[in-house]
Amino acid sequence: MMKEILAQCIEGKTLTEAQAEQVMDAIMTGNATSSQIASLVSIMRLRGETVDELVGFAKSMKNHMAQIHYEIDVVDTCGTGGDGASTFNISTAAAIVVSSLKVKVAKHGNRAFTSKSGSADVIETLGIHFQTTEKEAVESLDKQNMSFLFAPMFHSSMKHAVNPRKEIGFRNVFNLLGPLANPANAKRQVIGVYSTAYAEKMAEALKRLGAKHVLLVTGREGLDEISITNETDVVELKNGVITRYVLHPNDVGLQQGKMEEIKVTNPQESAELIERVFKGIAPQSAENIVAINAAAALYVAGYVQTLADGVMFAKEAIQNGLALNQLMMLRHQVEENYA
């Protein structure tokens, strides 16, 4: 089946949603070789993935993943990765801020494939425990308002694609799929996307997958975050309606920042900068980029009605020590687990 699909794709044909689901089923059950997987994602990257393909792939991933059933709506702050900007783990810091305000956050993430520091790398460096089972995740959401869902533990069927991903090295459809397949079925998300063209496709896919309120954001300098140094292209999906707009830090009362204040070279530096943000001793650009991305998560969660209000709450949580206290609580949870 994979040979036939590859033969079609190399001729420029695209997959239907059903075909895409079949292909991903084959990948997830070990019925596609590493070279076939690498060939497929390379071809698709060159010609551009379609919404049908994203939906079909995501449906298969959801069917194969270990799911977390949680009664309350959860929020995810997740990026596609691969923006090559070497910034610190902004969405992870934002998730901690948001959870400090008692919004339930099911942060889905992995180790770095195409960046300096993946969310799992920095979570580990910060001394926070991964949740590896549904029971652990639910307990952490109940007690700490946040759970970190380490993708390989919930998407074990993705193991067949790990080596091809590492070997080809460039960003591909798997970067796009992670945010579409949160194990807690988050329907409220802030997704950083390295390309606003992909953000539009992902918004259409998420609409078909039943998402409620999602912001897909692309910084104009190529960040897969809301930028503090430039304008950000935003694609918003809310109640089945997709809109587009451009956001500047000034629009939400923040000064335009400096790129050099948010760059790091490894997970250790990223973790240190996050701690400095929470302790109030980081450069202003670092604090403000966490605040604006946390604001987006508060907005999609329905905690605030506007991004400007979200920034105000996020800044307050950072400046009054609430976010730092949340980080300490998440660390203390590790000590309890291993005591």
C-alpha atoms as a PDB file:
ATOM      1  CA  MET A   1       0.000   0.000   0.000  1.00  0.00           C
ATOM      2  CA  MET A   2       2.800   2.447   0.884  1.00  0.00           C
ATOM      3  CA  LYS A   3       4.521   1.873  -2.483  1.00  0.00           C
ATOM      4  CA  GLU A   4       1.307   2.737  -4.321  1.00  0.00           C
ATOM      5  CA  ILE A   5       0.778   5.861  -2.199  1.00  0.00           C
ATOM      6  CA  LEU A   6       4.368   6.999  -2.792  1.00  0.00           C
ATOM      7  CA  ALA A   7       3.969   6.444  -6.534  1.00  0.00           C
ATOM      8  CA  GLN A   8       0.870   8.684  -6.505  1.00  0.00           C
ATOM      9  CA  CYS A   9       2.504  11.365  -4.358  1.00  0.00           C
ATOM     10  CA  ILE A  10       5.654  11.597  -6.487  1.00  0.00           C
ATOM     11  CA  GLU A  11       3.370  12.411  -9.444  1.00  0.00           C
ATOM     12  CA  GLY A  12       1.981  15.353  -7.487  1.00  0.00           C
ATOM     13  CA  LYS A  13      -1.279  13.743  -6.349  1.00  0.00           C
ATOM     14  CA  THR A  14      -2.604  14.424  -2.848  1.00  0.00           C
ATOM     15  CA  LEU A  15      -4.255  12.021  -0.420  1.00  0.00           C
ATOM     16  CA  THR A  16      -7.902  12.002   0.551  1.00  0.00           C
ATOM     17  CA  GLU A  17      -8.668  12.163   4.273  1.00  0.00           C
ATOM     18  CA  ALA A  18      -9.400   8.414   4.277  1.00  0.00           C
ATOM     19  CA  GLN A  19      -6.148   7.597   2.446  1.00  0.00           C
ATOM     20  CA  ALA A  20      -4.163   9.781   4.832  1.00  0.00           C
ATOM     21  CA  GLU A  21      -5.703   7.987   7.798  1.00  0.00           C
ATOM     22  CA  GLN A  22      -4.781   4.627   6.224  1.00  0.00           C
ATOM     23  CA  VAL A  23      -1.195   5.778   5.621  1.00  0.00           C
ATOM     24  CA  MET A  24      -0.778   6.929   9.217  1.00  0.00           C
ATOM     25  CA  ASP A  25      -2.302   3.671  10.444  1.00  0.00           C
ATOM     26  CA  ALA A  26       0.381   1.843   8.434  1.00  0.00           C
ATOM     27  CA  ILE A  27       3.126   4.024   9.937  1.00  0.00           C
ATOM     28  CA  MET A  28       1.816   3.548  13.458  1.00  0.00           C
ATOM     29  CA  THR A  29       1.527  -0.220  13.190  1.00  0.00           C
ATOM     30  CA  GLY A  30       5.050  -0.654  11.826  1.00  0.00           C
ATOM     31  CA  ASN A  31       3.871  -1.452   8.302  1.00  0.00           C
ATOM     32  CA  ALA A  32       5.934   1.298   6.663  1.00  0.00           C
ATOM     33  CA  THR A  33       9.711   1.247   6.426  1.00  0.00           C
ATOM     34  CA  SER A  34      11.900   4.130   7.605  1.00  0.00           C
ATOM     35  CA  SER A  35      12.803   5.011   4.016  1.00  0.00           C
ATOM     36  CA  GLN A  36       9.134   5.006   2.987  1.00  0.00           C
ATOM     37  CA  ILE A  37       8.237   7.320   5.882  1.00  0.00           C
ATOM     38  CA  ALA A  38      11.135   9.669   5.096  1.00  0.00           C
ATOM     39  CA  SER A  39      10.239   9.686   1.389  1.00  0.00           C
ATOM     40  CA  LEU A  40       6.581  10.423   2.064  1.00  0.00           C
ATOM     41  CA  VAL A  41       7.142  13.340   4.442  1.00  0.00           C
ATOM     42  CA  SER A  42       9.823  14.777   2.141  1.00  0.00           C
ATOM     43  CA  ILE A  43       7.528  14.677  -0.904  1.00  0.00           C
ATOM     44  CA  MET A  44       4.679  16.204   1.109  1.00  0.00           C
ATOM     45  CA  ARG A  45       6.896  18.965   2.453  1.00  0.00           C
ATOM     46  CA  LEU A  46       8.031  19.895  -1.065  1.00  0.00           C
ATOM     47  CA  ARG A  47       4.535  20.098  -2.544  1.00  0.00           C
ATOM     48  CA  GLY A  48       2.766  21.237   0.640  1.00  0.00           C
ATOM     49  CA  GLU A  49       0.496  19.188   2.900  1.00  0.00           C
ATOM     50  CA  THR A  50      -3.278  19.528   2.424  1.00  0.00           C
ATOM     51  CA  VAL A  51      -6.001  19.993   5.039  1.00  0.00           C
ATOM     52  CA  ASP A  52      -7.426  16.558   4.148  1.00  0.00           C
ATOM     53  CA  GLU A  53      -4.025  14.992   4.805  1.00  0.00           C
ATOM     54  CA  LEU A  54      -3.625  16.784   8.138  1.00  0.00           C
ATOM     55  CA  VAL A  55      -7.112  15.712   9.274  1.00  0.00           C
ATOM     56  CA  GLY A  56      -6.602  12.091   8.213  1.00  0.00           C
ATOM     57  CA  PHE A  57      -3.185  11.858   9.870  1.00  0.00           C
ATOM     58  CA  ALA A  58      -4.456  13.502  13.065  1.00  0.00           C
ATOM     59  CA  LYS A  59      -7.479  11.176  13.276  1.00  0.00           C
ATOM     60  CA  SER A  60      -5.206   8.163  13.046  1.00  0.00           C
ATOM     61  CA  MET A  61      -2.881   9.575  15.706  1.00  0.00           C
ATOM     62  CA  LYS A  62      -5.822  10.208  18.020  1.00  0.00           C
ATOM     63  CA  ASN A  63      -7.083   6.662  17.510  1.00  0.00           C
ATOM     64  CA  HIS A  64      -3.687   5.224  18.433  1.00  0.00           C
ATOM     65  CA  MET A  65      -2.793   7.488  21.362  1.00  0.00           C
ATOM     66  CA  ALA A  66      -3.324   6.856  25.069  1.00  0.00           C
ATOM     67  CA  GLN A  67      -6.109   9.306  25.873  1.00  0.00           C
ATOM     68  CA  ILE A  68      -6.729  11.338  29.016  1.00  0.00           C
ATOM     69  CA  HIS A  69     -10.357  11.884  29.912  1.00  0.00           C
ATOM     70  CA  TYR A  70     -10.809  15.061  31.913  1.00  0.00           C
ATOM     71  CA  GLU A  71     -14.204  16.614  32.579  1.00  0.00           C
ATOM     72  CA  ILE A  72     -13.081  20.247  32.534  1.00  0.00           C
ATOM     73  CA  ASP A  73     -11.859  21.997  29.369  1.00  0.00           C
ATOM     74  CA  VAL A  74      -8.062  22.095  29.302  1.00  0.00           C
ATOM     75  CA  VAL A  75      -5.748  24.484  27.469  1.00  0.00           C
ATOM     76  CA  ASP A  76      -2.569  23.582  25.583  1.00  0.00           C
ATOM     77  CA  THR A  77       0.265  25.934  24.662  1.00  0.00           C
ATOM     78  CA  CYS A  78       2.266  24.142  22.043  1.00  0.00           C
ATOM     79  CA  GLY A  79       4.457  24.996  19.081  1.00  0.00           C
ATOM     80  CA  THR A  80       5.310  23.204  15.884  1.00  0.00           C
ATOM     81  CA  GLY A  81       8.997  23.788  16.609  1.00  0.00           C
ATOM     82  CA  GLY A  82      11.585  24.183  13.923  1.00  0.00           C
ATOM     83  CA  ASP A  83      11.554  27.974  13.742  1.00  0.00           C
ATOM     84  CA  GLY A  84      15.350  28.034  14.098  1.00  0.00           C
ATOM     85  CA  ALA A  85      15.226  31.190  16.224  1.00  0.00           C
ATOM     86  CA  SER A  86      16.979  29.734  19.326  1.00  0.00           C
ATOM     87  CA  THR A  87      14.587  31.438  21.747  1.00  0.00           C
ATOM     88  CA  PHE A  88      13.938  30.086  25.238  1.00  0.00           C
ATOM     89  CA  ASN A  89      10.922  27.822  25.821  1.00  0.00           C
ATOM     90  CA  ILE A  90       8.321  30.568  25.863  1.00  0.00           C
ATOM     91  CA  SER A  91       5.189  28.417  25.586  1.00  0.00           C
ATOM     92  CA  THR A  92       6.339  26.272  28.536  1.00  0.00           C
ATOM     93  CA  ALA A  93       6.891  29.372  30.681  1.00  0.00           C
ATOM     94  CA  ALA A  94       3.493  30.692  29.578  1.00  0.00           C
ATOM     95  CA  ALA A  95       1.843  27.392  30.570  1.00  0.00           C
ATOM     96  CA  ILE A  96       3.241  27.697  34.101  1.00  0.00           C
ATOM     97  CA  VAL A  97       1.961  31.282  34.391  1.00  0.00           C
ATOM     98  CA  VAL A  98      -1.504  30.313  33.144  1.00  0.00           C
ATOM     99  CA  SER A  99      -1.749  27.322  35.507  1.00  0.00           C
ATOM    100  CA  SER A 100      -0.757  29.608  38.416  1.00  0.00           C
ATOM    101  CA  LEU A 101      -4.090  31.372  37.780  1.00  0.00           C
ATOM    102  CA  LYS A 102      -5.930  28.047  38.234  1.00  0.00           C
ATOM    103  CA  VAL A 103      -6.593  27.509  34.529  1.00  0.00           C
ATOM    104  CA  LYS A 104      -6.190  23.809  33.720  1.00  0.00           C
ATOM    105  CA  VAL A 105      -3.258  23.325  31.330  1.00  0.00           C
ATOM    106  CA  ALA A 106      -2.451  20.011  29.625  1.00  0.00           C
ATOM    107  CA  LYS A 107       0.907  20.898  28.061  1.00  0.00           C
ATOM    108  CA  HIS A 108       1.816  18.492  25.294  1.00  0.00           C
ATOM    109  CA  GLY A 109       5.452  18.338  24.281  1.00  0.00           C
ATOM    110  CA  ASN A 110       8.548  16.449  23.258  1.00  0.00           C
ATOM    111  CA  ARG A 111      12.305  16.675  23.194  1.00  0.00           C
ATOM    112  CA  ALA A 112      13.955  18.832  20.551  1.00  0.00           C
ATOM    113  CA  PHE A 113      14.013  17.474  16.999  1.00  0.00           C
ATOM    114  CA  THR A 114      14.770  20.649  15.051  1.00  0.00           C
ATOM    115  CA  SER A 115      15.449  23.222  17.789  1.00  0.00           C
ATOM    116  CA  LYS A 116      17.964  23.900  20.573  1.00  0.00           C
ATOM    117  CA  SER A 117      15.583  23.034  23.416  1.00  0.00           C
ATOM    118  CA  GLY A 118      12.304  21.136  23.278  1.00  0.00           C
ATOM    119  CA  SER A 119       9.617  21.632  25.935  1.00  0.00           C
ATOM    120  CA  ALA A 120      10.434  18.246  27.486  1.00  0.00           C
ATOM    121  CA  ASP A 121      14.115  19.187  27.693  1.00  0.00           C
ATOM    122  CA  VAL A 122      13.406  22.377  29.619  1.00  0.00           C
ATOM    123  CA  ILE A 123      10.708  20.809  31.833  1.00  0.00           C
ATOM    124  CA  GLU A 124      13.244  18.171  32.878  1.00  0.00           C
ATOM    125  CA  THR A 125      15.945  20.818  33.468  1.00  0.00           C
ATOM    126  CA  LEU A 126      13.509  22.834  35.609  1.00  0.00           C
ATOM    127  CA  GLY A 127      13.008  19.749  37.795  1.00  0.00           C
ATOM    128  CA  ILE A 128       9.357  19.175  36.857  1.00  0.00           C
ATOM    129  CA  HIS A 129       7.992  15.647  36.508  1.00  0.00           C
ATOM    130  CA  PHE A 130       6.524  14.292  33.266  1.00  0.00           C
ATOM    131  CA  GLN A 131       3.109  12.685  33.533  1.00  0.00           C
ATOM    132  CA  THR A 132       3.218   9.265  31.894  1.00  0.00           C
ATOM    133  CA  THR A 133      -0.225   7.781  32.658  1.00  0.00           C
ATOM    134  CA  GLU A 134      -3.818   9.008  32.622  1.00  0.00           C
ATOM    135  CA  LYS A 135      -4.010   8.659  36.433  1.00  0.00           C
ATOM    136  CA  GLU A 136      -0.887  10.813  36.949  1.00  0.00           C
ATOM    137  CA  ALA A 137      -2.097  13.422  34.472  1.00  0.00           C
ATOM    138  CA  VAL A 138      -5.546  13.729  36.068  1.00  0.00           C
ATOM    139  CA  GLU A 139      -4.049  13.975  39.573  1.00  0.00           C
ATOM    140  CA  SER A 140      -1.627  16.687  38.449  1.00  0.00           C
ATOM    141  CA  LEU A 141      -4.423  18.647  36.755  1.00  0.00           C
ATOM    142  CA  ASP A 142      -6.549  18.349  39.903  1.00  0.00           C
ATOM    143  CA  LYS A 143      -3.822  19.321  42.370  1.00  0.00           C
ATOM    144  CA  GLN A 144      -1.468  21.571  40.416  1.00  0.00           C
ATOM    145  CA  ASN A 145      -3.726  22.785  37.532  1.00  0.00           C
ATOM    146  CA  MET A 146      -1.054  21.609  35.061  1.00  0.00           C
ATOM    147  CA  SER A 147       0.104  18.385  33.534  1.00  0.00           C
ATOM    148  CA  PHE A 148       3.063  17.890  31.205  1.00  0.00           C
ATOM    149  CA  LEU A 149       2.198  15.155  28.708  1.00  0.00           C
ATOM    150  CA  PHE A 150       5.443  13.753  27.314  1.00  0.00           C
ATOM    151  CA  ALA A 151       4.470  12.867  23.742  1.00  0.00           C
ATOM    152  CA  PRO A 152       6.367   9.520  23.428  1.00  0.00           C
ATOM    153  CA  MET A 153       4.542   8.138  26.498  1.00  0.00           C
ATOM    154  CA  PHE A 154       1.111   8.867  25.023  1.00  0.00           C
ATOM    155  CA  HIS A 155       1.954   8.347  21.354  1.00  0.00           C
ATOM    156  CA  SER A 156       3.941   5.127  21.643  1.00  0.00           C
ATOM    157  CA  SER A 157       2.890   4.131  18.117  1.00  0.00           C
ATOM    158  CA  MET A 158       4.889   7.099  16.818  1.00  0.00           C
ATOM    159  CA  LYS A 159       8.103   5.238  17.694  1.00  0.00           C
ATOM    160  CA  HIS A 160       8.293   3.988  14.085  1.00  0.00           C
ATOM    161  CA  ALA A 161       8.625   7.572  12.836  1.00  0.00           C
ATOM    162  CA  VAL A 162      11.260   8.729  15.342  1.00  0.00           C
ATOM    163  CA  ASN A 163      14.362   7.653  13.394  1.00  0.00           C
ATOM    164  CA  PRO A 164      13.184   8.987   9.995  1.00  0.00           C
ATOM    165  CA  ARG A 165      12.372  12.321  11.694  1.00  0.00           C
ATOM    166  CA  LYS A 166      15.806  12.543  13.266  1.00  0.00           C
ATOM    167  CA  GLU A 167      17.599  11.452  10.114  1.00  0.00           C
ATOM    168  CA  ILE A 168      15.976  13.942   7.744  1.00  0.00           C
ATOM    169  CA  GLY A 169      16.383  16.749  10.293  1.00  0.00           C
ATOM    170  CA  PHE A 170      14.109  19.323   8.655  1.00  0.00           C
ATOM    171  CA  ARG A 171      10.647  20.266   9.861  1.00  0.00           C
ATOM    172  CA  ASN A 172       7.863  18.236   8.290  1.00  0.00           C
ATOM    173  CA  VAL A 173       4.278  17.120   8.720  1.00  0.00           C
ATOM    174  CA  PHE A 174       5.048  15.548  12.109  1.00  0.00           C
ATOM    175  CA  ASN A 175       5.815  19.034  13.479  1.00  0.00           C
ATOM    176  CA  LEU A 176       2.292  20.055  12.493  1.00  0.00           C
ATOM    177  CA  LEU A 177       0.620  16.944  13.878  1.00  0.00           C
ATOM    178  CA  GLY A 178       1.787  17.155  17.501  1.00  0.00           C
ATOM    179  CA  PRO A 179      -0.426  20.165  18.303  1.00  0.00           C
ATOM    180  CA  LEU A 180      -3.378  18.503  16.522  1.00  0.00           C
ATOM    181  CA  ALA A 181      -3.258  15.392  18.717  1.00  0.00           C
ATOM    182  CA  ASN A 182      -3.176  16.473  22.366  1.00  0.00           C
ATOM    183  CA  PRO A 183      -3.747  13.349  24.535  1.00  0.00           C
ATOM    184  CA  ALA A 184      -6.200  15.274  26.729  1.00  0.00           C
ATOM    185  CA  ASN A 185      -8.123  16.307  23.596  1.00  0.00           C
ATOM    186  CA  ALA A 186      -7.583  20.002  24.331  1.00  0.00           C
ATOM    187  CA  LYS A 187     -10.081  22.030  22.316  1.00  0.00           C
ATOM    188  CA  ARG A 188      -8.628  25.364  23.468  1.00  0.00           C
ATOM    189  CA  GLN A 189      -5.087  25.979  22.317  1.00  0.00           C
ATOM    190  CA  VAL A 190      -2.389  28.481  21.500  1.00  0.00           C
ATOM    191  CA  ILE A 191      -0.290  26.966  18.734  1.00  0.00           C
ATOM    192  CA  GLY A 192       2.922  28.543  17.556  1.00  0.00           C
ATOM    193  CA  VAL A 193       3.406  27.818  13.851  1.00  0.00           C
ATOM    194  CA  TYR A 194       6.597  28.599  11.917  1.00  0.00           C
ATOM    195  CA  SER A 195       4.598  29.625   8.810  1.00  0.00           C
ATOM    196  CA  THR A 196       1.330  31.517   8.665  1.00  0.00           C
ATOM    197  CA  ALA A 197       0.347  29.578   5.507  1.00  0.00           C
ATOM    198  CA  TYR A 198       0.525  26.397   7.585  1.00  0.00           C
ATOM    199  CA  ALA A 199      -1.392  28.150  10.379  1.00  0.00           C
ATOM    200  CA  GLU A 200      -4.360  28.582   8.016  1.00  0.00           C
ATOM    201  CA  LYS A 201      -4.288  24.907   7.025  1.00  0.00           C
ATOM    202  CA  MET A 202      -4.061  23.854  10.671  1.00  0.00           C
ATOM    203  CA  ALA A 203      -6.994  26.110  11.581  1.00  0.00           C
ATOM    204  CA  GLU A 204      -9.127  24.420   8.906  1.00  0.00           C
ATOM    205  CA  ALA A 205      -8.021  20.995  10.160  1.00  0.00           C
ATOM    206  CA  LEU A 206      -8.765  21.903  13.788  1.00  0.00           C
ATOM    207  CA  LYS A 207     -12.203  23.158  12.789  1.00  0.00           C
ATOM    208  CA  ARG A 208     -12.954  19.757  11.275  1.00  0.00           C
ATOM    209  CA  LEU A 209     -11.505  18.008  14.337  1.00  0.00           C
ATOM    210  CA  GLY A 210     -13.913  19.877  16.652  1.00  0.00           C
ATOM    211  CA  ALA A 211     -11.709  22.527  18.312  1.00  0.00           C
ATOM    212  CA  LYS A 212     -13.520  25.337  20.198  1.00  0.00           C
ATOM    213  CA  HIS A 213     -11.097  28.265  20.416  1.00  0.00           C
ATOM    214  CA  VAL A 214      -7.573  28.270  19.025  1.00  0.00           C
ATOM    215  CA  LEU A 215      -5.019  30.958  18.221  1.00  0.00           C
ATOM    216  CA  LEU A 216      -2.376  29.968  15.672  1.00  0.00           C
ATOM    217  CA  VAL A 217       0.447  32.474  15.826  1.00  0.00           C
ATOM    218  CA  THR A 218       3.502  33.234  13.677  1.00  0.00           C
ATOM    219  CA  GLY A 219       5.929  36.002  14.574  1.00  0.00           C
ATOM    220  CA  ARG A 220       6.985  38.048  11.552  1.00  0.00           C
ATOM    221  CA  GLU A 221      10.658  37.251  12.230  1.00  0.00           C
ATOM    222  CA  GLY A 222       9.759  33.550  11.933  1.00  0.00           C
ATOM    223  CA  LEU A 223       8.996  32.765  15.581  1.00  0.00           C
ATOM    224  CA  ASP A 224       6.490  30.029  16.381  1.00  0.00           C
ATOM    225  CA  GLU A 225       5.252  32.246  19.248  1.00  0.00           C
ATOM    226  CA  ILE A 226       3.555  35.617  19.611  1.00  0.00           C
ATOM    227  CA  SER A 227       6.480  37.958  19.059  1.00  0.00           C
ATOM    228  CA  ILE A 228       7.614  40.749  21.355  1.00  0.00           C
ATOM    229  CA  THR A 229      10.118  42.090  18.786  1.00  0.00           C
ATOM    230  CA  ASN A 230       7.857  42.293  15.752  1.00  0.00           C
ATOM    231  CA  GLU A 231       4.305  41.924  14.463  1.00  0.00           C
ATOM    232  CA  THR A 232       2.602  38.530  14.721  1.00  0.00           C
ATOM    233  CA  ASP A 233       0.246  36.990  12.190  1.00  0.00           C
ATOM    234  CA  VAL A 234      -2.697  35.477  14.055  1.00  0.00           C
ATOM    235  CA  VAL A 235      -5.191  32.963  12.683  1.00  0.00           C
ATOM    236  CA  GLU A 236      -8.056  32.587  15.145  1.00  0.00           C
ATOM    237  CA  LEU A 237     -10.584  29.741  15.170  1.00  0.00           C
ATOM    238  CA  LYS A 238     -13.506  30.487  17.470  1.00  0.00           C
ATOM    239  CA  ASN A 239     -16.813  28.626  17.450  1.00  0.00           C
ATOM    240  CA  GLY A 240     -16.267  27.400  13.898  1.00  0.00           C
ATOM    241  CA  VAL A 241     -15.294  30.791  12.458  1.00  0.00           C
ATOM    242  CA  ILE A 242     -11.751  31.501  11.232  1.00  0.00           C
ATOM    243  CA  THR A 243     -10.438  35.069  11.216  1.00  0.00           C
ATOM    244  CA  ARG A 244      -7.039  36.629  10.531  1.00  0.00           C
ATOM    245  CA  TYR A 245      -5.348  39.681  12.006  1.00  0.00           C
ATOM    246  CA  VAL A 246      -1.963  41.149  12.842  1.00  0.00           C
ATOM    247  CA  LEU A 247      -0.899  41.796  16.432  1.00  0.00           C
ATOM    248  CA  HIS A 248       1.832  44.200  17.596  1.00  0.00           C
ATOM    249  CA  PRO A 249       3.105  44.287  21.217  1.00  0.00           C
ATOM    250  CA  ASN A 250       1.973  47.926  21.415  1.00  0.00           C
ATOM    251  CA  ASP A 251      -1.620  46.767  20.772  1.00  0.00           C
ATOM    252  CA  VAL A 252      -1.714  45.155  24.233  1.00  0.00           C
ATOM    253  CA  GLY A 253       0.284  47.825  26.080  1.00  0.00           C
ATOM    254  CA  LEU A 254       3.747  46.255  25.774  1.00  0.00           C
ATOM    255  CA  GLN A 255       6.966  47.804  24.463  1.00  0.00           C
ATOM    256  CA  GLN A 256       8.620  46.275  21.413  1.00  0.00           C
ATOM    257  CA  GLY A 257      11.472  44.093  22.668  1.00  0.00           C
ATOM    258  CA  LYS A 258      14.921  42.922  21.617  1.00  0.00           C
ATOM    259  CA  MET A 259      15.688  39.531  20.094  1.00  0.00           C
ATOM    260  CA  GLU A 260      19.015  39.161  21.925  1.00  0.00           C
ATOM    261  CA  GLU A 261      17.149  39.240  25.267  1.00  0.00           C
ATOM    262  CA  ILE A 262      15.169  36.075  24.492  1.00  0.00           C
ATOM    263  CA  LYS A 263      17.815  33.871  22.825  1.00  0.00           C
ATOM    264  CA  VAL A 264      19.438  30.812  24.445  1.00  0.00           C
ATOM    265  CA  THR A 265      21.765  28.046  23.289  1.00  0.00           C
ATOM    266  CA  ASN A 266      20.586  25.032  25.348  1.00  0.00           C
ATOM    267  CA  PRO A 267      17.921  23.770  27.816  1.00  0.00           C
ATOM    268  CA  GLN A 268      19.994  24.900  30.819  1.00  0.00           C
ATOM    269  CA  GLU A 269      20.039  28.513  29.631  1.00  0.00           C
ATOM    270  CA  SER A 270      16.329  28.285  28.791  1.00  0.00           C
ATOM    271  CA  ALA A 271      15.460  27.008  32.292  1.00  0.00           C
ATOM    272  CA  GLU A 272      17.623  29.702  33.905  1.00  0.00           C
ATOM    273  CA  LEU A 273      15.924  32.456  31.903  1.00  0.00           C
ATOM    274  CA  ILE A 274      12.457  31.144  32.816  1.00  0.00           C
ATOM    275  CA  GLU A 275      13.410  31.212  36.503  1.00  0.00           C
ATOM    276  CA  ARG A 276      14.767  34.740  36.133  1.00  0.00           C
ATOM    277  CA  VAL A 277      11.476  35.812  34.517  1.00  0.00           C
ATOM    278  CA  PHE A 278       9.535  34.404  37.480  1.00  0.00           C
ATOM    279  CA  LYS A 279      11.936  36.010  39.975  1.00  0.00           C
ATOM    280  CA  GLY A 280      11.544  39.407  38.298  1.00  0.00           C
ATOM    281  CA  ILE A 281      15.218  39.686  37.303  1.00  0.00           C
ATOM    282  CA  ALA A 282      15.016  38.874  33.574  1.00  0.00           C
ATOM    283  CA  PRO A 283      15.342  41.352  30.699  1.00  0.00           C
ATOM    284  CA  GLN A 284      12.039  43.080  29.991  1.00  0.00           C
ATOM    285  CA  SER A 285      11.682  41.414  26.573  1.00  0.00           C
ATOM    286  CA  ALA A 286      11.773  37.963  28.201  1.00  0.00           C
ATOM    287  CA  GLU A 287       9.118  38.820  30.787  1.00  0.00           C
ATOM    288  CA  ASN A 288       6.897  40.515  28.208  1.00  0.00           C
ATOM    289  CA  ILE A 289       7.024  37.688  25.664  1.00  0.00           C
ATOM    290  CA  VAL A 290       5.954  35.233  28.380  1.00  0.00           C
ATOM    291  CA  ALA A 291       3.155  37.612  29.390  1.00  0.00           C
ATOM    292  CA  ILE A 292       1.779  38.072  25.870  1.00  0.00           C
ATOM    293  CA  ASN A 293       1.811  34.326  25.149  1.00  0.00           C
ATOM    294  CA  ALA A 294       0.242  33.538  28.530  1.00  0.00           C
ATOM    295  CA  ALA A 295      -2.395  36.187  27.716  1.00  0.00           C
ATOM    296  CA  ALA A 296      -3.310  34.285  24.557  1.00  0.00           C
ATOM    297  CA  ALA A 297      -3.850  31.091  26.586  1.00  0.00           C
ATOM    298  CA  LEU A 298      -5.994  32.956  29.137  1.00  0.00           C
ATOM    299  CA  TYR A 299      -8.017  34.357  26.228  1.00  0.00           C
ATOM    300  CA  VAL A 300      -8.721  30.992  24.561  1.00  0.00           C
ATOM    301  CA  ALA A 301      -9.544  29.538  27.992  1.00  0.00           C
ATOM    302  CA  GLY A 302     -12.263  32.163  28.430  1.00  0.00           C
ATOM    303  CA  TYR A 303     -10.510  33.534  31.543  1.00  0.00           C
ATOM    304  CA  VAL A 304     -10.365  36.989  29.917  1.00  0.00           C
ATOM    305  CA  GLN A 305     -12.265  38.607  27.078  1.00  0.00           C
ATOM    306  CA  THR A 306      -9.320  40.418  25.483  1.00  0.00           C
ATOM    307  CA  LEU A 307      -5.600  39.840  24.997  1.00  0.00           C
ATOM    308  CA  ALA A 308      -4.866  43.160  26.733  1.00  0.00           C
ATOM    309  CA  ASP A 309      -6.679  41.937  29.859  1.00  0.00           C
ATOM    310  CA  GLY A 310      -4.752  38.678  29.610  1.00  0.00           C
ATOM    311  CA  VAL A 311      -1.446  40.555  29.564  1.00  0.00           C
ATOM    312  CA  MET A 312      -2.479  42.423  32.723  1.00  0.00           C
ATOM    313  CA  PHE A 313      -3.298  39.184  34.591  1.00  0.00           C
ATOM    314  CA  ALA A 314      -0.157  37.417  33.331  1.00  0.00           C
ATOM    315  CA  LYS A 315       2.130  40.322  34.316  1.00  0.00           C
ATOM    316  CA  GLU A 316       0.517  40.425  37.740  1.00  0.00           C
ATOM    317  CA  ALA A 317       1.034  36.651  38.224  1.00  0.00           C
ATOM    318  CA  ILE A 318       4.718  37.047  37.343  1.00  0.00           C
ATOM    319  CA  GLN A 319       5.302  40.179  39.417  1.00  0.00           C
ATOM    320  CA  ASN A 320       3.470  39.083  42.577  1.00  0.00           C
ATOM    321  CA  GLY A 321       5.303  35.741  42.744  1.00  0.00           C
ATOM    322  CA  LEU A 322       2.331  33.549  41.807  1.00  0.00           C
ATOM    323  CA  ALA A 323       4.144  32.055  38.792  1.00  0.00           C
ATOM    324  CA  LEU A 324       7.316  31.388  40.815  1.00  0.00           C
ATOM    325  CA  ASN A 325       5.230  29.745  43.532  1.00  0.00           C
ATOM    326  CA  GLN A 326       3.592  27.551  40.882  1.00  0.00           C
ATOM    327  CA  LEU A 327       7.014  26.483  39.598  1.00  0.00           C
ATOM    328  CA  MET A 328       8.032  25.548  43.161  1.00  0.00           C
ATOM    329  CA  MET A 329       4.794  23.587  43.643  1.00  0.00           C
ATOM    330  CA  LEU A 330       5.400  21.664  40.418  1.00  0.00           C
ATOM    331  CA  ARG A 331       8.912  20.840  41.668  1.00  0.00           C
ATOM    332  CA  HIS A 332       7.572  19.853  45.073  1.00  0.00           C
ATOM    333  CA  GLN A 333       5.248  17.422  43.299  1.00  0.00           C
ATOM    334  CA  VAL A 334       8.399  15.615  42.063  1.00  0.00           C
ATOM    335  CA  GLU A 335       9.739  15.393  45.622  1.00  0.00           C
ATOM    336  CA  GLU A 336       6.396  13.945  46.788  1.00  0.00           C
ATOM    337  CA  ASN A 337       6.381  11.392  43.956  1.00  0.00           C
ATOM    338  CA  TYR A 338       9.894  10.208  44.702  1.00  0.00           C
ATOM    339  CA  ALA A 339       9.971  10.609  48.482  1.00  0.00           C
END
